[in-house]
Amino acid sequence: VHYRRLLRKRQQTFEERLLDFTMSVANALKSGMALPQAIDRIRLRMKGPMREELDTLHAEYGLGIDLGESFARLTERMPCEDMILLTASVRLTMRTGGSLADVLAEMTETIRRRRELHDKVKTLTSGGRVEGIVLSLMPVVAFVVFYIIQPEITKVLVTTMLGWTMLGIAAVLIVIGFLVINAISKVEV
């Protein structure tokens, strides 16, 4: 679980820097640089997972692996929609010709719009997530308040087998309710 969380965080950091990378490559290509030269220059300015992955891409290219193949390997290591699109653009443009700078400029705009939409959806669904937390905590808080104010009312729940069974059922229902509300409030963009 911890490893998956670290991996997801690394991928998120990479995805956050992908827009900057794509925009920088587009600008470098417009200024007249070749793609390998542009990637080499840009990777020196990047940090974190983006720098590490670009170092690997640069090393693979230096060993004679085709740049399109190096991008495909990068996509396997860091799978995300934007990276898949970038790789397809690079490979297709290298095969067929055309202006990679223009393609990357359009792609940059697409990534920017997708991020804006994603942030807007996340903001709109945050209320549902908060409601799920509040509604899940309300029975627990009510039980604690009743236990403090009048312990004889709740004493039956914590001293008998039937009471423990009822508390267990209530806990299961609270968890199910939380998971349902959480699932409803998640919207994939």
N, C-alpha and C. Protein backbone atom coordinates (compact mmCIF):
# COMPACT_ATOMS: atom_id res chain seq x y z
N VAL A 1 0.83 -1.18 0.00
CA VAL A 1 0.00 0.00 0.00
C VAL A 1 0.88 1.25 0.00
N HIS A 2 1.90 1.25 0.83
CA HIS A 2 2.80 2.41 0.92
C HIS A 2 3.55 2.60 -0.41
N TYR A 3 3.99 1.49 -1.00
CA TYR A 3 4.69 1.57 -2.28
C TYR A 3 3.78 2.14 -3.37
N ARG A 4 2.52 1.69 -3.40
CA ARG A 4 1.57 2.20 -4.41
C ARG A 4 1.30 3.68 -4.20
N ARG A 5 1.22 4.11 -2.94
CA ARG A 5 0.99 5.53 -2.65
C ARG A 5 2.18 6.36 -3.13
N LEU A 6 3.40 5.88 -2.87
CA LEU A 6 4.59 6.59 -3.34
C LEU A 6 4.65 6.63 -4.87
N LEU A 7 4.30 5.52 -5.50
CA LEU A 7 4.30 5.46 -6.95
C LEU A 7 3.28 6.42 -7.53
N ARG A 8 2.09 6.48 -6.93
CA ARG A 8 1.04 7.40 -7.41
C ARG A 8 1.48 8.85 -7.23
N LYS A 9 2.12 9.14 -6.10
CA LYS A 9 2.60 10.50 -5.87
C LYS A 9 3.66 10.88 -6.90
N ARG A 10 4.54 9.93 -7.22
CA ARG A 10 5.57 10.18 -8.24
C ARG A 10 4.92 10.44 -9.59
N GLN A 11 3.92 9.66 -9.94
CA GLN A 11 3.23 9.84 -11.21
C GLN A 11 2.50 11.18 -11.25
N GLN A 12 1.89 11.57 -10.14
CA GLN A 12 1.20 12.86 -10.09
C GLN A 12 2.18 14.01 -10.27
N THR A 13 3.34 13.92 -9.62
CA THR A 13 4.36 14.96 -9.76
C THR A 13 4.83 15.03 -11.22
N PHE A 14 5.01 13.86 -11.83
CA PHE A 14 5.40 13.81 -13.23
C PHE A 14 4.34 14.46 -14.11
N GLU A 15 3.08 14.10 -13.89
CA GLU A 15 1.98 14.65 -14.69
C GLU A 15 1.87 16.16 -14.55
N GLU A 16 2.12 16.67 -13.34
CA GLU A 16 2.06 18.11 -13.12
C GLU A 16 3.12 18.85 -13.92
N ARG A 17 4.26 18.23 -14.12
CA ARG A 17 5.36 18.87 -14.86
C ARG A 17 5.27 18.62 -16.37
N LEU A 18 4.39 17.75 -16.79
CA LEU A 18 4.31 17.39 -18.21
C LEU A 18 3.88 18.57 -19.07
N LEU A 19 3.01 19.42 -18.57
CA LEU A 19 2.59 20.60 -19.32
C LEU A 19 3.77 21.53 -19.55
N ASP A 20 4.57 21.76 -18.52
CA ASP A 20 5.76 22.60 -18.67
C ASP A 20 6.73 22.01 -19.68
N PHE A 21 6.91 20.70 -19.58
CA PHE A 21 7.83 20.03 -20.51
C PHE A 21 7.36 20.17 -21.95
N THR A 22 6.08 19.90 -22.19
CA THR A 22 5.53 19.96 -23.54
C THR A 22 5.64 21.38 -24.10
N MET A 23 5.32 22.37 -23.27
CA MET A 23 5.40 23.76 -23.71
C MET A 23 6.85 24.15 -24.00
N SER A 24 7.77 23.70 -23.17
CA SER A 24 9.18 24.02 -23.38
C SER A 24 9.72 23.38 -24.66
N VAL A 25 9.32 22.13 -24.90
CA VAL A 25 9.76 21.46 -26.13
C VAL A 25 9.20 22.19 -27.35
N ALA A 26 7.92 22.56 -27.30
CA ALA A 26 7.31 23.28 -28.43
C ALA A 26 8.05 24.59 -28.70
N ASN A 27 8.37 25.33 -27.65
CA ASN A 27 9.08 26.60 -27.81
C ASN A 27 10.50 26.38 -28.34
N ALA A 28 11.16 25.35 -27.84
CA ALA A 28 12.53 25.06 -28.30
C ALA A 28 12.52 24.66 -29.78
N LEU A 29 11.54 23.87 -30.18
CA LEU A 29 11.45 23.47 -31.59
C LEU A 29 11.15 24.67 -32.48
N LYS A 30 10.31 25.57 -32.00
CA LYS A 30 10.01 26.79 -32.77
C LYS A 30 11.24 27.67 -32.93
N SER A 31 12.13 27.63 -31.94
CA SER A 31 13.35 28.45 -32.02
C SER A 31 14.42 27.81 -32.89
N GLY A 32 14.15 26.61 -33.40
CA GLY A 32 15.08 26.00 -34.35
C GLY A 32 15.88 24.82 -33.84
N MET A 33 15.68 24.43 -32.62
CA MET A 33 16.42 23.27 -32.08
C MET A 33 15.85 21.98 -32.63
N ALA A 34 16.69 20.97 -32.68
CA ALA A 34 16.23 19.62 -33.01
C ALA A 34 15.63 19.01 -31.74
N LEU A 35 14.77 18.02 -31.91
CA LEU A 35 14.07 17.42 -30.77
C LEU A 35 15.04 16.84 -29.73
N PRO A 36 16.06 16.06 -30.12
CA PRO A 36 16.97 15.54 -29.08
C PRO A 36 17.71 16.65 -28.33
N GLN A 37 18.10 17.68 -29.06
CA GLN A 37 18.80 18.81 -28.43
C GLN A 37 17.85 19.55 -27.47
N ALA A 38 16.61 19.73 -27.88
CA ALA A 38 15.63 20.41 -27.03
C ALA A 38 15.38 19.62 -25.75
N ILE A 39 15.22 18.31 -25.88
CA ILE A 39 14.99 17.46 -24.70
C ILE A 39 16.19 17.52 -23.77
N ASP A 40 17.41 17.50 -24.34
CA ASP A 40 18.62 17.56 -23.52
C ASP A 40 18.69 18.86 -22.74
N ARG A 41 18.40 19.97 -23.38
CA ARG A 41 18.43 21.26 -22.70
C ARG A 41 17.36 21.37 -21.63
N ILE A 42 16.17 20.91 -21.95
CA ILE A 42 15.04 21.04 -21.02
C ILE A 42 15.22 20.14 -19.80
N ARG A 43 15.76 18.94 -20.01
CA ARG A 43 15.89 18.01 -18.88
C ARG A 43 16.83 18.56 -17.81
N LEU A 44 17.78 19.40 -18.20
CA LEU A 44 18.71 19.98 -17.23
C LEU A 44 18.01 20.98 -16.31
N ARG A 45 16.89 21.55 -16.77
CA ARG A 45 16.16 22.52 -15.95
C ARG A 45 15.06 21.87 -15.11
N MET A 46 14.68 20.65 -15.44
CA MET A 46 13.60 19.97 -14.72
C MET A 46 14.12 19.39 -13.41
N LYS A 47 13.17 19.09 -12.51
CA LYS A 47 13.51 18.50 -11.22
C LYS A 47 12.60 17.33 -10.95
N GLY A 48 12.96 16.53 -9.97
CA GLY A 48 12.11 15.44 -9.51
C GLY A 48 11.96 14.32 -10.52
N PRO A 49 10.79 13.67 -10.51
CA PRO A 49 10.56 12.53 -11.39
C PRO A 49 10.68 12.88 -12.88
N MET A 50 10.31 14.10 -13.26
CA MET A 50 10.43 14.49 -14.66
C MET A 50 11.90 14.47 -15.08
N ARG A 51 12.77 14.99 -14.25
CA ARG A 51 14.21 15.00 -14.56
C ARG A 51 14.74 13.57 -14.65
N GLU A 52 14.35 12.74 -13.71
CA GLU A 52 14.83 11.36 -13.70
C GLU A 52 14.40 10.61 -14.96
N GLU A 53 13.15 10.78 -15.34
CA GLU A 53 12.64 10.09 -16.53
C GLU A 53 13.27 10.64 -17.80
N LEU A 54 13.49 11.95 -17.85
CA LEU A 54 14.15 12.53 -19.03
C LEU A 54 15.62 12.12 -19.09
N ASP A 55 16.27 11.96 -17.94
CA ASP A 55 17.64 11.44 -17.93
C ASP A 55 17.68 10.03 -18.52
N THR A 56 16.70 9.21 -18.14
CA THR A 56 16.62 7.85 -18.68
C THR A 56 16.37 7.88 -20.18
N LEU A 57 15.45 8.75 -20.62
CA LEU A 57 15.14 8.88 -22.04
C LEU A 57 16.39 9.33 -22.81
N HIS A 58 17.11 10.29 -22.26
CA HIS A 58 18.33 10.79 -22.90
C HIS A 58 19.40 9.70 -22.97
N ALA A 59 19.53 8.93 -21.89
CA ALA A 59 20.52 7.85 -21.87
C ALA A 59 20.17 6.77 -22.90
N GLU A 60 18.88 6.43 -23.01
CA GLU A 60 18.46 5.44 -24.00
C GLU A 60 18.73 5.94 -25.41
N TYR A 61 18.45 7.20 -25.66
CA TYR A 61 18.72 7.77 -26.98
C TYR A 61 20.22 7.77 -27.26
N GLY A 62 21.01 8.06 -26.23
CA GLY A 62 22.47 8.04 -26.38
C GLY A 62 23.01 6.65 -26.68
N LEU A 63 22.29 5.62 -26.24
CA LEU A 63 22.71 4.23 -26.51
C LEU A 63 22.24 3.75 -27.88
N GLY A 64 21.55 4.59 -28.62
CA GLY A 64 21.15 4.24 -29.97
C GLY A 64 19.70 3.80 -30.13
N ILE A 65 18.93 3.89 -29.07
CA ILE A 65 17.52 3.54 -29.17
C ILE A 65 16.79 4.71 -29.83
N ASP A 66 15.91 4.40 -30.75
CA ASP A 66 15.13 5.41 -31.46
C ASP A 66 14.38 6.29 -30.46
N LEU A 67 14.30 7.58 -30.75
CA LEU A 67 13.65 8.52 -29.83
C LEU A 67 12.17 8.18 -29.63
N GLY A 68 11.51 7.75 -30.68
CA GLY A 68 10.11 7.33 -30.55
C GLY A 68 9.96 6.14 -29.62
N GLU A 69 10.88 5.19 -29.73
CA GLU A 69 10.87 4.02 -28.85
C GLU A 69 11.18 4.42 -27.41
N SER A 70 12.08 5.38 -27.23
CA SER A 70 12.39 5.87 -25.88
C SER A 70 11.17 6.52 -25.25
N PHE A 71 10.41 7.27 -26.06
CA PHE A 71 9.18 7.87 -25.55
C PHE A 71 8.16 6.79 -25.19
N ALA A 72 8.09 5.74 -26.00
CA ALA A 72 7.17 4.64 -25.71
C ALA A 72 7.54 3.97 -24.37
N ARG A 73 8.81 3.79 -24.13
CA ARG A 73 9.25 3.21 -22.85
C ARG A 73 8.92 4.14 -21.68
N LEU A 74 9.09 5.43 -21.91
CA LEU A 74 8.74 6.41 -20.88
C LEU A 74 7.25 6.33 -20.57
N THR A 75 6.43 6.16 -21.59
CA THR A 75 4.99 6.04 -21.39
C THR A 75 4.64 4.78 -20.60
N GLU A 76 5.38 3.70 -20.81
CA GLU A 76 5.15 2.48 -20.02
C GLU A 76 5.48 2.71 -18.55
N ARG A 77 6.53 3.49 -18.30
CA ARG A 77 6.93 3.74 -16.90
C ARG A 77 6.00 4.75 -16.23
N MET A 78 5.53 5.73 -16.99
CA MET A 78 4.68 6.79 -16.45
C MET A 78 3.39 6.88 -17.28
N PRO A 79 2.51 5.91 -17.11
CA PRO A 79 1.30 5.91 -17.94
C PRO A 79 0.31 6.98 -17.50
N CYS A 80 0.00 7.87 -18.42
CA CYS A 80 -1.06 8.86 -18.22
C CYS A 80 -1.52 9.29 -19.61
N GLU A 81 -2.72 9.82 -19.67
CA GLU A 81 -3.30 10.16 -20.97
C GLU A 81 -2.45 11.17 -21.73
N ASP A 82 -1.94 12.16 -21.01
CA ASP A 82 -1.15 13.20 -21.68
C ASP A 82 0.15 12.64 -22.22
N MET A 83 0.77 11.73 -21.48
CA MET A 83 2.02 11.13 -21.95
C MET A 83 1.77 10.23 -23.16
N ILE A 84 0.67 9.51 -23.14
CA ILE A 84 0.31 8.67 -24.29
C ILE A 84 0.12 9.53 -25.52
N LEU A 85 -0.56 10.66 -25.35
CA LEU A 85 -0.79 11.59 -26.46
C LEU A 85 0.52 12.19 -26.96
N LEU A 86 1.40 12.56 -26.03
CA LEU A 86 2.71 13.11 -26.41
C LEU A 86 3.52 12.09 -27.19
N THR A 87 3.55 10.87 -26.71
CA THR A 87 4.31 9.82 -27.38
C THR A 87 3.77 9.55 -28.77
N ALA A 88 2.45 9.47 -28.89
CA ALA A 88 1.84 9.24 -30.20
C ALA A 88 2.17 10.39 -31.15
N SER A 89 2.14 11.61 -30.63
CA SER A 89 2.45 12.78 -31.47
C SER A 89 3.89 12.73 -31.95
N VAL A 90 4.81 12.44 -31.06
CA VAL A 90 6.23 12.39 -31.42
C VAL A 90 6.48 11.29 -32.45
N ARG A 91 5.96 10.10 -32.17
CA ARG A 91 6.19 8.97 -33.07
C ARG A 91 5.58 9.21 -34.45
N LEU A 92 4.35 9.73 -34.46
CA LEU A 92 3.67 9.98 -35.73
C LEU A 92 4.37 11.07 -36.53
N THR A 93 4.76 12.13 -35.88
CA THR A 93 5.43 13.22 -36.57
C THR A 93 6.80 12.79 -37.08
N MET A 94 7.50 11.96 -36.33
CA MET A 94 8.80 11.47 -36.78
C MET A 94 8.65 10.57 -38.00
N ARG A 95 7.57 9.81 -38.06
CA ARG A 95 7.33 8.91 -39.19
C ARG A 95 6.85 9.65 -40.43
N THR A 96 5.91 10.56 -40.23
CA THR A 96 5.25 11.18 -41.38
C THR A 96 5.79 12.56 -41.72
N GLY A 97 6.52 13.16 -40.81
CA GLY A 97 6.99 14.52 -41.04
C GLY A 97 5.96 15.50 -40.52
N GLY A 98 6.19 16.76 -40.75
CA GLY A 98 5.27 17.78 -40.27
C GLY A 98 5.89 18.55 -39.13
N SER A 99 5.16 19.52 -38.66
CA SER A 99 5.67 20.40 -37.62
C SER A 99 5.31 19.88 -36.24
N LEU A 100 6.28 19.28 -35.59
CA LEU A 100 6.06 18.80 -34.22
C LEU A 100 5.81 19.97 -33.28
N ALA A 101 6.42 21.11 -33.55
CA ALA A 101 6.23 22.29 -32.70
C ALA A 101 4.76 22.71 -32.69
N ASP A 102 4.11 22.71 -33.85
CA ASP A 102 2.69 23.07 -33.91
C ASP A 102 1.82 22.04 -33.20
N VAL A 103 2.15 20.78 -33.40
CA VAL A 103 1.39 19.72 -32.74
C VAL A 103 1.53 19.84 -31.23
N LEU A 104 2.73 20.10 -30.74
CA LEU A 104 2.96 20.21 -29.30
C LEU A 104 2.30 21.48 -28.74
N ALA A 105 2.25 22.54 -29.53
CA ALA A 105 1.57 23.76 -29.07
C ALA A 105 0.08 23.48 -28.89
N GLU A 106 -0.53 22.77 -29.82
CA GLU A 106 -1.94 22.40 -29.69
C GLU A 106 -2.15 21.45 -28.51
N MET A 107 -1.22 20.53 -28.35
CA MET A 107 -1.31 19.58 -27.26
C MET A 107 -1.20 20.28 -25.90
N THR A 108 -0.35 21.28 -25.83
CA THR A 108 -0.21 22.07 -24.61
C THR A 108 -1.53 22.71 -24.23
N GLU A 109 -2.20 23.26 -25.23
CA GLU A 109 -3.51 23.89 -24.98
C GLU A 109 -4.53 22.84 -24.53
N THR A 110 -4.49 21.66 -25.13
CA THR A 110 -5.41 20.58 -24.74
C THR A 110 -5.16 20.15 -23.30
N ILE A 111 -3.91 19.98 -22.93
CA ILE A 111 -3.56 19.59 -21.56
C ILE A 111 -4.03 20.66 -20.58
N ARG A 112 -3.82 21.93 -20.94
CA ARG A 112 -4.22 23.02 -20.06
C ARG A 112 -5.74 23.02 -19.84
N ARG A 113 -6.50 22.85 -20.92
CA ARG A 113 -7.96 22.82 -20.80
C ARG A 113 -8.42 21.63 -19.98
N ARG A 114 -7.79 20.48 -20.18
CA ARG A 114 -8.17 19.28 -19.43
C ARG A 114 -7.90 19.47 -17.95
N ARG A 115 -6.78 20.09 -17.61
CA ARG A 115 -6.47 20.35 -16.20
C ARG A 115 -7.49 21.30 -15.58
N GLU A 116 -7.87 22.35 -16.33
CA GLU A 116 -8.87 23.28 -15.82
C GLU A 116 -10.19 22.56 -15.54
N LEU A 117 -10.60 21.71 -16.47
CA LEU A 117 -11.83 20.95 -16.29
C LEU A 117 -11.73 20.02 -15.09
N HIS A 118 -10.58 19.34 -14.97
CA HIS A 118 -10.36 18.42 -13.85
C HIS A 118 -10.44 19.17 -12.52
N ASP A 119 -9.81 20.34 -12.45
CA ASP A 119 -9.83 21.13 -11.21
C ASP A 119 -11.24 21.61 -10.89
N LYS A 120 -11.99 21.98 -11.93
CA LYS A 120 -13.36 22.45 -11.72
C LYS A 120 -14.24 21.31 -11.19
N VAL A 121 -14.10 20.13 -11.76
CA VAL A 121 -14.88 18.97 -11.30
C VAL A 121 -14.49 18.60 -9.87
N LYS A 122 -13.21 18.66 -9.58
CA LYS A 122 -12.75 18.34 -8.23
C LYS A 122 -13.33 19.32 -7.21
N THR A 123 -13.39 20.59 -7.58
CA THR A 123 -13.96 21.59 -6.69
C THR A 123 -15.45 21.35 -6.48
N LEU A 124 -16.15 21.03 -7.56
CA LEU A 124 -17.59 20.82 -7.45
C LEU A 124 -17.95 19.56 -6.66
N THR A 125 -17.11 18.54 -6.72
CA THR A 125 -17.41 17.30 -6.00
C THR A 125 -16.84 17.28 -4.58
N SER A 126 -16.07 18.29 -4.22
CA SER A 126 -15.51 18.30 -2.86
C SER A 126 -16.59 18.38 -1.80
N GLY A 127 -17.71 19.05 -2.12
CA GLY A 127 -18.83 19.12 -1.17
C GLY A 127 -19.37 17.74 -0.84
N GLY A 128 -19.47 16.88 -1.83
CA GLY A 128 -19.96 15.52 -1.61
C GLY A 128 -19.02 14.72 -0.72
N ARG A 129 -17.73 14.92 -0.90
CA ARG A 129 -16.76 14.20 -0.07
C ARG A 129 -16.86 14.67 1.39
N VAL A 130 -17.01 15.98 1.58
CA VAL A 130 -17.14 16.51 2.94
C VAL A 130 -18.42 16.00 3.58
N GLU A 131 -19.52 15.98 2.81
CA GLU A 131 -20.78 15.45 3.34
C GLU A 131 -20.63 14.00 3.77
N GLY A 132 -19.92 13.21 3.00
CA GLY A 132 -19.70 11.81 3.35
C GLY A 132 -18.96 11.67 4.67
N ILE A 133 -17.97 12.51 4.88
CA ILE A 133 -17.21 12.46 6.14
C ILE A 133 -18.09 12.89 7.31
N VAL A 134 -18.81 13.99 7.11
CA VAL A 134 -19.66 14.51 8.20
C VAL A 134 -20.76 13.51 8.55
N LEU A 135 -21.43 12.98 7.53
CA LEU A 135 -22.52 12.03 7.79
C LEU A 135 -22.00 10.74 8.44
N SER A 136 -20.79 10.36 8.12
CA SER A 136 -20.22 9.15 8.73
C SER A 136 -19.81 9.39 10.18
N LEU A 137 -19.40 10.60 10.49
CA LEU A 137 -18.97 10.89 11.86
C LEU A 137 -20.12 11.23 12.80
N MET A 138 -21.26 11.65 12.24
CA MET A 138 -22.39 12.06 13.09
C MET A 138 -22.84 10.97 14.06
N PRO A 139 -23.05 9.73 13.65
CA PRO A 139 -23.48 8.71 14.62
C PRO A 139 -22.44 8.45 15.71
N VAL A 140 -21.17 8.53 15.36
CA VAL A 140 -20.11 8.31 16.35
C VAL A 140 -20.13 9.44 17.38
N VAL A 141 -20.23 10.67 16.89
CA VAL A 141 -20.28 11.82 17.78
C VAL A 141 -21.52 11.75 18.67
N ALA A 142 -22.66 11.38 18.08
CA ALA A 142 -23.90 11.28 18.87
C ALA A 142 -23.75 10.23 19.97
N PHE A 143 -23.14 9.10 19.64
CA PHE A 143 -22.94 8.04 20.64
C PHE A 143 -22.05 8.54 21.78
N VAL A 144 -20.96 9.23 21.44
CA VAL A 144 -20.05 9.75 22.46
C VAL A 144 -20.75 10.78 23.34
N VAL A 145 -21.54 11.67 22.73
CA VAL A 145 -22.25 12.69 23.50
C VAL A 145 -23.25 12.03 24.46
N PHE A 146 -24.02 11.06 23.94
CA PHE A 146 -24.98 10.37 24.82
C PHE A 146 -24.25 9.61 25.92
N TYR A 147 -23.10 9.03 25.62
CA TYR A 147 -22.34 8.28 26.62
C TYR A 147 -21.84 9.22 27.72
N ILE A 148 -21.49 10.45 27.35
CA ILE A 148 -21.02 11.42 28.34
C ILE A 148 -22.18 11.98 29.16
N ILE A 149 -23.28 12.36 28.46
CA ILE A 149 -24.40 13.00 29.14
C ILE A 149 -25.19 12.02 30.01
N GLN A 150 -25.62 10.90 29.44
CA GLN A 150 -26.38 9.91 30.18
C GLN A 150 -25.82 8.52 29.86
N PRO A 151 -24.82 8.11 30.61
CA PRO A 151 -24.20 6.82 30.32
C PRO A 151 -25.13 5.62 30.50
N GLU A 152 -26.17 5.76 31.31
CA GLU A 152 -27.07 4.62 31.51
C GLU A 152 -27.85 4.27 30.25
N ILE A 153 -28.06 5.25 29.36
CA ILE A 153 -28.77 4.97 28.11
C ILE A 153 -27.90 4.11 27.19
N THR A 154 -26.64 4.44 27.10
CA THR A 154 -25.74 3.73 26.18
C THR A 154 -25.04 2.56 26.84
N LYS A 155 -25.22 2.39 28.14
CA LYS A 155 -24.53 1.31 28.86
C LYS A 155 -24.93 -0.05 28.31
N VAL A 156 -26.19 -0.20 27.89
CA VAL A 156 -26.67 -1.47 27.35
C VAL A 156 -25.89 -1.83 26.08
N LEU A 157 -25.53 -0.83 25.29
CA LEU A 157 -24.82 -1.10 24.03
C LEU A 157 -23.40 -1.61 24.25
N VAL A 158 -22.76 -1.20 25.31
CA VAL A 158 -21.37 -1.59 25.51
C VAL A 158 -21.18 -2.71 26.54
N THR A 159 -22.26 -3.15 27.16
CA THR A 159 -22.11 -4.19 28.19
C THR A 159 -22.76 -5.51 27.82
N THR A 160 -23.58 -5.54 26.77
CA THR A 160 -24.23 -6.79 26.39
C THR A 160 -23.78 -7.22 25.00
N MET A 161 -23.93 -8.51 24.77
CA MET A 161 -23.57 -9.05 23.46
C MET A 161 -24.46 -8.49 22.36
N LEU A 162 -25.73 -8.36 22.65
CA LEU A 162 -26.66 -7.78 21.68
C LEU A 162 -26.27 -6.33 21.35
N GLY A 163 -25.85 -5.59 22.37
CA GLY A 163 -25.41 -4.21 22.16
C GLY A 163 -24.18 -4.13 21.26
N TRP A 164 -23.20 -5.00 21.53
CA TRP A 164 -22.00 -5.04 20.69
C TRP A 164 -22.34 -5.43 19.26
N THR A 165 -23.28 -6.35 19.11
CA THR A 165 -23.72 -6.75 17.76
C THR A 165 -24.35 -5.57 17.04
N MET A 166 -25.19 -4.82 17.74
CA MET A 166 -25.83 -3.66 17.14
C MET A 166 -24.79 -2.58 16.77
N LEU A 167 -23.81 -2.39 17.65
CA LEU A 167 -22.74 -1.43 17.34
C LEU A 167 -21.95 -1.88 16.11
N GLY A 168 -21.70 -3.17 16.00
CA GLY A 168 -20.99 -3.71 14.84
C GLY A 168 -21.77 -3.50 13.56
N ILE A 169 -23.07 -3.79 13.61
CA ILE A 169 -23.91 -3.58 12.43
C ILE A 169 -23.94 -2.10 12.05
N ALA A 170 -24.06 -1.24 13.07
CA ALA A 170 -24.07 0.22 12.80
C ALA A 170 -22.74 0.65 12.17
N ALA A 171 -21.63 0.12 12.66
CA ALA A 171 -20.32 0.48 12.10
C ALA A 171 -20.21 0.04 10.65
N VAL A 172 -20.69 -1.17 10.34
CA VAL A 172 -20.66 -1.66 8.96
C VAL A 172 -21.52 -0.78 8.07
N LEU A 173 -22.71 -0.41 8.53
CA LEU A 173 -23.59 0.44 7.73
C LEU A 173 -22.99 1.83 7.52
N ILE A 174 -22.32 2.36 8.54
CA ILE A 174 -21.67 3.67 8.41
C ILE A 174 -20.57 3.60 7.36
N VAL A 175 -19.77 2.55 7.41
CA VAL A 175 -18.69 2.40 6.42
C VAL A 175 -19.27 2.25 5.01
N ILE A 176 -20.30 1.44 4.87
CA ILE A 176 -20.94 1.27 3.55
C ILE A 176 -21.50 2.60 3.05
N GLY A 177 -22.16 3.34 3.94
CA GLY A 177 -22.70 4.65 3.55
C GLY A 177 -21.60 5.60 3.12
N PHE A 178 -20.48 5.61 3.86
CA PHE A 178 -19.35 6.47 3.49
C PHE A 178 -18.80 6.09 2.13
N LEU A 179 -18.64 4.79 1.88
CA LEU A 179 -18.09 4.34 0.60
C LEU A 179 -19.03 4.67 -0.56
N VAL A 180 -20.34 4.54 -0.33
CA VAL A 180 -21.32 4.86 -1.38
C VAL A 180 -21.29 6.36 -1.71
N ILE A 181 -21.29 7.19 -0.65
CA ILE A 181 -21.24 8.64 -0.88
C ILE A 181 -19.95 9.03 -1.56
N ASN A 182 -18.85 8.42 -1.16
CA ASN A 182 -17.55 8.70 -1.77
C ASN A 182 -17.53 8.29 -3.25
N ALA A 183 -18.13 7.15 -3.54
CA ALA A 183 -18.17 6.69 -4.94
C ALA A 183 -19.06 7.58 -5.80
N ILE A 184 -20.15 8.06 -5.23
CA ILE A 184 -21.05 8.93 -5.98
C ILE A 184 -20.36 10.27 -6.27
N SER A 185 -19.58 10.75 -5.33
CA SER A 185 -18.96 12.07 -5.50
C SER A 185 -17.70 12.04 -6.36
N LYS A 186 -17.24 10.86 -6.77
CA LYS A 186 -16.08 10.77 -7.65
C LYS A 186 -16.56 10.80 -9.09
N VAL A 187 -15.99 11.72 -9.85
CA VAL A 187 -16.33 11.84 -11.26
C VAL A 187 -15.03 11.77 -12.04
N GLU A 188 -14.93 10.83 -12.95
CA GLU A 188 -13.73 10.72 -13.78
C GLU A 188 -13.81 11.69 -14.95
N VAL A 189 -12.74 12.42 -15.16
CA VAL A 189 -12.70 13.38 -16.27
C VAL A 189 -11.86 12.81 -17.39
